[in-house]
C-alpha atoms as a PDB file:
ATOM      1  CA  MET A   1      90.771  67.367 113.331  1.00  0.00           C
ATOM      2  CA  SER A   2      90.329  70.733 111.869  1.00  0.00           C
ATOM      3  CA  ILE A   3      91.484  73.842 113.547  1.00  0.00           C
ATOM      4  CA  PHE A   4      91.701  77.307 112.175  1.00  0.00           C
ATOM      5  CA  LEU A   5      94.188  79.837 112.441  1.00  0.00           C
ATOM      6  CA  ASP A   6      93.855  83.914 113.230  1.00  0.00           C
ATOM      7  CA  THR A   7      95.534  86.080 110.943  1.00  0.00           C
ATOM      8  CA  HIS A   8      98.554  87.181 112.785  1.00  0.00           C
ATOM      9  CA  VAL A   9      99.258  83.038 113.234  1.00  0.00           C
ATOM     10  CA  VAL A  10      99.423  83.566 109.852  1.00  0.00           C
ATOM     11  CA  VAL A  11     101.656  86.296 108.852  1.00  0.00           C
ATOM     12  CA  TRP A  12     103.988  84.546 111.922  1.00  0.00           C
ATOM     13  CA  LEU A  13     103.802  81.126 109.955  1.00  0.00           C
ATOM     14  CA  TYR A  14     105.562  83.156 107.003  1.00  0.00           C
ATOM     15  CA  LEU A  15     107.271  85.186 108.374  1.00  0.00           C
ATOM     16  CA  ASP A  16     108.699  84.073 111.995  1.00  0.00           C
ATOM     17  CA  ALA A  17     107.375  80.525 113.068  1.00  0.00           C
ATOM     18  CA  SER A  18     109.722  80.862 115.682  1.00  0.00           C
ATOM     19  CA  LYS A  19     106.661  83.454 117.090  1.00  0.00           C
ATOM     20  CA  ILE A  20     103.904  80.641 117.563  1.00  0.00           C
ATOM     21  CA  GLY A  21     103.596  78.644 120.846  1.00  0.00           C
ATOM     22  CA  SER A  22     105.038  75.220 121.618  1.00  0.00           C
ATOM     23  CA  ASN A  23     101.148  74.212 121.188  1.00  0.00           C
ATOM     24  CA  ALA A  24     100.145  75.876 118.998  1.00  0.00           C
ATOM     25  CA  ARG A  25     102.844  74.020 116.150  1.00  0.00           C
ATOM     26  CA  ARG A  26     101.452  70.638 117.399  1.00  0.00           C
ATOM     27  CA  LEU A  27      97.910  71.418 116.339  1.00  0.00           C
ATOM     28  CA  ILE A  28      99.592  73.482 113.015  1.00  0.00           C
ATOM     29  CA  GLU A  29     101.552  70.342 112.920  1.00  0.00           C
ATOM     30  CA  SER A  30      99.009  67.054 113.265  1.00  0.00           C
ATOM     31  CA  SER A  31      95.844  68.469 111.851  1.00  0.00           C
ATOM     32  CA  GLU A  32      94.092  70.404 108.770  1.00  0.00           C
ATOM     33  CA  VAL A  33      94.946  73.888 109.139  1.00  0.00           C
ATOM     34  CA  MET A  34      92.068  76.508 108.037  1.00  0.00           C
ATOM     35  CA  ILE A  35      91.668  80.143 107.714  1.00  0.00           C
ATOM     36  CA  SER A  36      88.351  82.236 107.586  1.00  0.00           C
ATOM     37  CA  PRO A  37      88.364  83.999 104.037  1.00  0.00           C
ATOM     38  CA  ILE A  38      87.732  86.894 106.160  1.00  0.00           C
ATOM     39  CA  VAL A  39      91.766  86.167 106.575  1.00  0.00           C
ATOM     40  CA  LEU A  40      92.630  87.103 102.911  1.00  0.00           C
ATOM     41  CA  LEU A  41      90.626  90.259 103.513  1.00  0.00           C
ATOM     42  CA  GLU A  42      92.618  91.265 106.430  1.00  0.00           C
ATOM     43  CA  LEU A  43      95.880  90.214 105.011  1.00  0.00           C
ATOM     44  CA  ASP A  44      95.090  91.951 102.176  1.00  0.00           C
ATOM     45  CA  LEU A  45      94.422  95.437 104.351  1.00  0.00           C
ATOM     46  CA  LEU A  46      97.790  95.062 106.199  1.00  0.00           C
ATOM     47  CA  TYR A  47      99.711  94.961 102.395  1.00  0.00           C
ATOM     48  CA  GLU A  48      98.051  98.496 102.209  1.00  0.00           C
ATOM     49  CA  ILE A  49      99.053  99.511 104.656  1.00  0.00           C
ATOM     50  CA  GLY A  50     102.005  98.723 104.903  1.00  0.00           C
ATOM     51  CA  ARG A  51     102.540  96.223 107.754  1.00  0.00           C
ATOM     52  CA  LEU A  52     103.161  93.748 105.257  1.00  0.00           C
ATOM     53  CA  THR A  53     105.294  93.704 102.427  1.00  0.00           C
ATOM     54  CA  VAL A  54     103.586  90.393 100.635  1.00  0.00           C
ATOM     55  CA  ASN A  55     100.186  90.235  99.439  1.00  0.00           C
ATOM     56  CA  SER A  56      97.316  87.419 100.140  1.00  0.00           C
ATOM     57  CA  GLN A  57      97.862  85.596  98.526  1.00  0.00           C
ATOM     58  CA  ASP A  58     101.647  85.147  97.161  1.00  0.00           C
ATOM     59  CA  LEU A  59     101.738  84.680 101.533  1.00  0.00           C
ATOM     60  CA  ILE A  60      98.571  82.300 101.490  1.00  0.00           C
ATOM     61  CA  GLN A  61      99.782  80.139  98.884  1.00  0.00           C
ATOM     62  CA  HIS A  62     103.407  79.808 101.018  1.00  0.00           C
ATOM     63  CA  LEU A  63     101.451  78.370 103.428  1.00  0.00           C
ATOM     64  CA  VAL A  64      99.244  76.246 100.609  1.00  0.00           C
ATOM     65  CA  GLU A  65     102.249  74.360  99.908  1.00  0.00           C
ATOM     66  CA  GLY A  66     104.330  74.599 102.801  1.00  0.00           C
ATOM     67  CA  ILE A  67     101.339  73.202 105.260  1.00  0.00           C
ATOM     68  CA  GLY A  68      98.590  72.230 103.364  1.00  0.00           C
ATOM     69  CA  LEU A  69      96.905  75.710 104.662  1.00  0.00           C
ATOM     70  CA  GLN A  70      92.785  75.657 103.696  1.00  0.00           C
ATOM     71  CA  VAL A  71      90.608  78.143 103.120  1.00  0.00           C
ATOM     72  CA  ALA A  72      87.307  77.479 104.595  1.00  0.00           C
ATOM     73  CA  ALA A  73      83.902  77.097 102.055  1.00  0.00           C
ATOM     74  CA  ASP A  74      80.992  77.227 104.046  1.00  0.00           C
ATOM     75  CA  PRO A  75      78.686  80.005 103.664  1.00  0.00           C
ATOM     76  CA  PHE A  76      79.738  83.405 103.614  1.00  0.00           C
ATOM     77  CA  THR A  77      75.527  83.805 105.263  1.00  0.00           C
ATOM     78  CA  THR A  78      75.960  81.323 107.851  1.00  0.00           C
ATOM     79  CA  VAL A  79      79.817  83.178 108.456  1.00  0.00           C
ATOM     80  CA  VAL A  80      77.856  85.597 108.990  1.00  0.00           C
ATOM     81  CA  SER A  81      75.067  84.666 111.019  1.00  0.00           C
ATOM     82  CA  ALA A  82      77.466  82.951 113.801  1.00  0.00           C
ATOM     83  CA  ALA A  83      79.458  85.744 114.229  1.00  0.00           C
ATOM     84  CA  SER A  84      76.689  88.638 114.578  1.00  0.00           C
ATOM     85  CA  LYS A  85      75.217  85.858 117.528  1.00  0.00           C
ATOM     86  CA  ILE A  86      79.209  86.972 119.074  1.00  0.00           C
ATOM     87  CA  ARG A  87      78.768  89.945 121.613  1.00  0.00           C
ATOM     88  CA  TRP A  88      81.961  90.660 123.286  1.00  0.00           C
ATOM     89  CA  THR A  89      84.171  92.031 120.662  1.00  0.00           C
ATOM     90  CA  ARG A  90      83.361  95.037 118.409  1.00  0.00           C
ATOM     91  CA  ASP A  91      85.786  94.118 115.628  1.00  0.00           C
ATOM     92  CA  PRO A  92      84.364  93.359 112.344  1.00  0.00           C
ATOM     93  CA  PHE A  93      88.233  90.877 111.130  1.00  0.00           C
ATOM     94  CA  ASP A  94      87.207  89.252 114.939  1.00  0.00           C
ATOM     95  CA  ARG A  95      84.028  88.451 114.868  1.00  0.00           C
ATOM     96  CA  LEU A  96      83.956  86.919 111.166  1.00  0.00           C
ATOM     97  CA  ILE A  97      87.155  85.019 112.250  1.00  0.00           C
ATOM     98  CA  VAL A  98      85.913  83.031 115.615  1.00  0.00           C
ATOM     99  CA  GLY A  99      82.631  82.919 113.579  1.00  0.00           C
ATOM    100  CA  HIS A 100      83.646  80.830 111.517  1.00  0.00           C
ATOM    101  CA  ALA A 101      85.610  78.540 113.596  1.00  0.00           C
ATOM    102  CA  ALA A 102      82.098  77.805 115.797  1.00  0.00           C
ATOM    103  CA  ILE A 103      80.431  77.058 112.927  1.00  0.00           C
ATOM    104  CA  GLY A 104      81.363  74.062 113.244  1.00  0.00           C
ATOM    105  CA  ASN A 105      83.010  73.552 117.009  1.00  0.00           C
ATOM    106  CA  ALA A 106      86.459  74.134 115.656  1.00  0.00           C
ATOM    107  CA  THR A 107      89.740  74.497 117.684  1.00  0.00           C
ATOM    108  CA  LEU A 108      91.058  78.745 116.847  1.00  0.00           C
ATOM    109  CA  VAL A 109      95.087  78.909 117.159  1.00  0.00           C
ATOM    110  CA  THR A 110      95.724  82.771 118.568  1.00  0.00           C
ATOM    111  CA  LYS A 111      98.107  84.533 120.803  1.00  0.00           C
ATOM    112  CA  ASP A 112      94.409  87.330 121.735  1.00  0.00           C
ATOM    113  CA  THR A 113      93.411  86.893 125.028  1.00  0.00           C
ATOM    114  CA  VAL A 114      90.610  88.948 124.574  1.00  0.00           C
ATOM    115  CA  ILE A 115      89.434  85.630 121.743  1.00  0.00           C
ATOM    116  CA  GLN A 116      91.217  82.812 124.610  1.00  0.00           C
ATOM    117  CA  SER A 117      88.716  84.349 127.514  1.00  0.00           C
ATOM    118  CA  ASN A 118      85.175  84.373 124.952  1.00  0.00           C
ATOM    119  CA  TYR A 119      85.425  80.737 122.514  1.00  0.00           C
ATOM    120  CA  ALA A 120      86.399  78.092 124.701  1.00  0.00           C
ATOM    121  CA  PRO A 121      88.033  76.301 121.868  1.00  0.00           C
ATOM    122  CA  ALA A 122      91.020  79.145 121.293  1.00  0.00           C
ATOM    123  CA  THR A 123      93.772  77.680 121.769  1.00  0.00           C
ATOM    124  CA  TRP A 124      97.780  79.317 122.687  1.00  0.00           C
END
């Protein structure tokens, strides 16, 4: 089973995994763990504004080695098409992350309650 991770979950896995709920940790430990490539961009933006002290390449490489994290390779046009159908948020990162997970109706691990309320396979 594949699951997708929201950006904050990726950051917490790198910095402090104790912030991740027990249900989410169980899913991460027992699943193929994916991220949308848009997470890489969001991580780099957080790095550029000083909210992270590590860039996306170093952070992701750490998680590739640690938990086998994979970057999903679905065509961008397919992801954008799915994201374009999402009307409950104006946040382009959330739309693309949820849209990417929605392509395969995959579980999205997120603490974001707005996402959880609008994307049924989201969990924390």
